[in-house]
């Protein structure tokens, strides 16, 4: 599954470090999510979505 975390993060002008800190997700894990190498839990995706100000659905590429 492809996640849109990196695209949404960059569109919001947020650094990887800042998102990592605010969403309480390690920077290396966040990098793996953005690269499609990790399958985050729903809880993790909710924290990321809240930090980015989007819906959880907005972080998933459904195509």
N, C-alpha and C. Protein backbone atom coordinates (compact mmCIF):
# COMPACT_ATOMS: atom_id res chain seq x y z
N UNK A 1 0.84 -1.18 0.00
CA UNK A 1 0.00 0.00 0.00
C UNK A 1 0.88 1.24 0.00
N UNK A 2 0.47 2.22 -0.76
CA UNK A 2 1.20 3.48 -0.81
C UNK A 2 0.55 4.48 0.14
N UNK A 3 1.39 5.14 0.87
CA UNK A 3 0.93 6.17 1.80
C UNK A 3 1.32 7.54 1.26
N UNK A 4 0.50 8.53 1.52
CA UNK A 4 0.75 9.89 1.04
C UNK A 4 1.32 10.79 2.12
N UNK A 5 1.87 10.21 3.15
CA UNK A 5 2.38 10.98 4.28
C UNK A 5 3.42 12.00 3.83
N UNK A 6 4.38 11.57 3.04
CA UNK A 6 5.44 12.49 2.59
C UNK A 6 4.90 13.63 1.76
N UNK A 7 3.99 13.33 0.85
CA UNK A 7 3.41 14.37 0.00
C UNK A 7 2.63 15.39 0.82
N UNK A 8 1.82 14.90 1.76
CA UNK A 8 1.03 15.80 2.60
C UNK A 8 1.95 16.60 3.52
N UNK A 9 2.95 15.95 4.06
CA UNK A 9 3.90 16.64 4.95
C UNK A 9 4.59 17.77 4.20
N UNK A 10 5.10 17.49 3.00
CA UNK A 10 5.78 18.53 2.23
C UNK A 10 4.83 19.64 1.82
N UNK A 11 3.59 19.29 1.45
CA UNK A 11 2.60 20.30 1.07
C UNK A 11 2.29 21.24 2.24
N UNK A 12 2.40 20.72 3.45
CA UNK A 12 2.18 21.54 4.65
C UNK A 12 3.44 22.27 5.09
N UNK A 13 4.54 22.07 4.37
CA UNK A 13 5.80 22.75 4.71
C UNK A 13 6.40 22.25 6.02
N UNK A 14 6.14 21.01 6.36
CA UNK A 14 6.61 20.46 7.63
C UNK A 14 7.83 19.56 7.39
N UNK A 15 8.81 19.70 8.24
CA UNK A 15 9.99 18.85 8.13
C UNK A 15 9.71 17.46 8.70
N UNK A 16 10.50 16.52 8.27
CA UNK A 16 10.38 15.15 8.77
C UNK A 16 10.60 15.14 10.28
N UNK A 17 11.58 15.88 10.73
CA UNK A 17 11.90 15.95 12.16
C UNK A 17 10.73 16.50 12.98
N UNK A 18 10.11 17.56 12.48
CA UNK A 18 8.99 18.17 13.21
C UNK A 18 7.79 17.22 13.28
N UNK A 19 7.45 16.60 12.15
CA UNK A 19 6.34 15.65 12.15
C UNK A 19 6.64 14.49 13.09
N UNK A 20 7.84 14.01 13.05
CA UNK A 20 8.25 12.91 13.92
C UNK A 20 8.04 13.27 15.38
N UNK A 21 8.50 14.43 15.75
CA UNK A 21 8.38 14.88 17.15
C UNK A 21 6.92 15.07 17.55
N UNK A 22 6.17 15.77 16.73
CA UNK A 22 4.79 16.10 17.10
C UNK A 22 3.86 14.89 17.06
N UNK A 23 4.12 13.95 16.17
CA UNK A 23 3.26 12.77 16.06
C UNK A 23 3.76 11.62 16.94
N UNK A 24 4.89 11.82 17.60
CA UNK A 24 5.49 10.81 18.47
C UNK A 24 5.77 9.50 17.71
N UNK A 25 6.44 9.68 16.56
CA UNK A 25 6.85 8.55 15.72
C UNK A 25 8.33 8.77 15.44
N UNK A 26 9.15 7.73 15.56
CA UNK A 26 10.57 7.93 15.32
C UNK A 26 10.80 8.39 13.88
N UNK A 27 11.83 9.19 13.70
CA UNK A 27 12.15 9.72 12.39
C UNK A 27 12.44 8.59 11.40
N UNK A 28 13.16 7.59 11.83
CA UNK A 28 13.50 6.49 10.92
C UNK A 28 12.25 5.70 10.52
N UNK A 29 11.32 5.51 11.46
CA UNK A 29 10.08 4.80 11.14
C UNK A 29 9.24 5.62 10.18
N UNK A 30 9.19 6.92 10.40
CA UNK A 30 8.45 7.81 9.52
C UNK A 30 9.03 7.76 8.10
N UNK A 31 10.34 7.73 8.00
CA UNK A 31 10.98 7.62 6.69
C UNK A 31 10.57 6.32 6.00
N UNK A 32 10.51 5.23 6.76
CA UNK A 32 10.10 3.95 6.20
C UNK A 32 8.64 3.97 5.76
N UNK A 33 7.78 4.65 6.52
CA UNK A 33 6.38 4.79 6.12
C UNK A 33 6.30 5.55 4.80
N UNK A 34 7.01 6.66 4.72
CA UNK A 34 6.98 7.48 3.51
C UNK A 34 7.53 6.72 2.31
N UNK A 35 8.48 5.83 2.52
CA UNK A 35 9.07 5.05 1.43
C UNK A 35 8.23 3.82 1.09
N UNK A 36 7.18 3.56 1.87
CA UNK A 36 6.34 2.40 1.63
C UNK A 36 6.96 1.10 2.14
N UNK A 37 7.93 1.21 3.02
CA UNK A 37 8.63 0.04 3.55
C UNK A 37 8.08 -0.43 4.89
N UNK A 38 7.15 0.31 5.47
CA UNK A 38 6.58 -0.04 6.78
C UNK A 38 5.06 0.01 6.67
N UNK A 39 4.40 -0.82 7.47
CA UNK A 39 2.94 -0.84 7.54
C UNK A 39 2.54 -0.32 8.91
N UNK A 40 2.27 0.98 9.01
CA UNK A 40 1.94 1.56 10.31
C UNK A 40 0.57 1.12 10.82
N UNK A 41 0.44 1.12 12.12
CA UNK A 41 -0.86 0.80 12.74
C UNK A 41 -1.82 1.97 12.52
N UNK A 42 -3.09 1.69 12.69
CA UNK A 42 -4.10 2.74 12.58
C UNK A 42 -3.83 3.84 13.59
N UNK A 43 -3.44 3.47 14.79
CA UNK A 43 -3.14 4.45 15.83
C UNK A 43 -2.04 5.41 15.38
N UNK A 44 -1.00 4.88 14.77
CA UNK A 44 0.10 5.72 14.27
C UNK A 44 -0.39 6.64 13.17
N UNK A 45 -1.19 6.11 12.26
CA UNK A 45 -1.71 6.93 11.17
C UNK A 45 -2.65 8.02 11.68
N UNK A 46 -3.40 7.73 12.73
CA UNK A 46 -4.27 8.75 13.33
C UNK A 46 -3.42 9.88 13.91
N UNK A 47 -2.35 9.55 14.62
CA UNK A 47 -1.48 10.59 15.18
C UNK A 47 -0.84 11.44 14.08
N UNK A 48 -0.40 10.79 13.01
CA UNK A 48 0.20 11.52 11.90
C UNK A 48 -0.84 12.43 11.25
N UNK A 49 -2.03 11.89 10.99
CA UNK A 49 -3.09 12.67 10.35
C UNK A 49 -3.48 13.89 11.20
N UNK A 50 -3.63 13.69 12.48
CA UNK A 50 -3.98 14.81 13.36
C UNK A 50 -2.90 15.88 13.33
N UNK A 51 -1.65 15.45 13.35
CA UNK A 51 -0.54 16.40 13.33
C UNK A 51 -0.54 17.19 12.02
N UNK A 52 -0.86 16.52 10.91
CA UNK A 52 -0.87 17.18 9.61
C UNK A 52 -2.18 17.92 9.33
N UNK A 53 -3.18 17.71 10.17
CA UNK A 53 -4.47 18.39 9.99
C UNK A 53 -5.29 17.85 8.84
N UNK A 54 -5.18 16.54 8.59
CA UNK A 54 -5.96 15.89 7.52
C UNK A 54 -6.66 14.67 8.09
N UNK A 55 -7.57 14.12 7.29
CA UNK A 55 -8.22 12.88 7.71
C UNK A 55 -7.26 11.71 7.51
N UNK A 56 -7.49 10.64 8.21
CA UNK A 56 -6.67 9.44 8.05
C UNK A 56 -6.77 8.96 6.60
N UNK A 57 -7.96 9.01 6.05
CA UNK A 57 -8.17 8.56 4.67
C UNK A 57 -7.30 9.35 3.69
N UNK A 58 -7.03 10.61 4.03
CA UNK A 58 -6.22 11.47 3.17
C UNK A 58 -4.76 11.06 3.10
N UNK A 59 -4.35 10.11 3.95
CA UNK A 59 -2.96 9.66 3.95
C UNK A 59 -2.76 8.36 3.18
N UNK A 60 -3.83 7.82 2.64
CA UNK A 60 -3.74 6.55 1.90
C UNK A 60 -3.98 6.80 0.42
N UNK A 61 -3.17 6.19 -0.42
CA UNK A 61 -3.38 6.23 -1.86
C UNK A 61 -4.22 5.01 -2.20
N UNK A 62 -5.44 5.22 -2.63
CA UNK A 62 -6.36 4.12 -2.86
C UNK A 62 -6.34 3.61 -4.30
N UNK A 63 -5.48 4.15 -5.13
CA UNK A 63 -5.38 3.70 -6.53
C UNK A 63 -4.39 2.58 -6.67
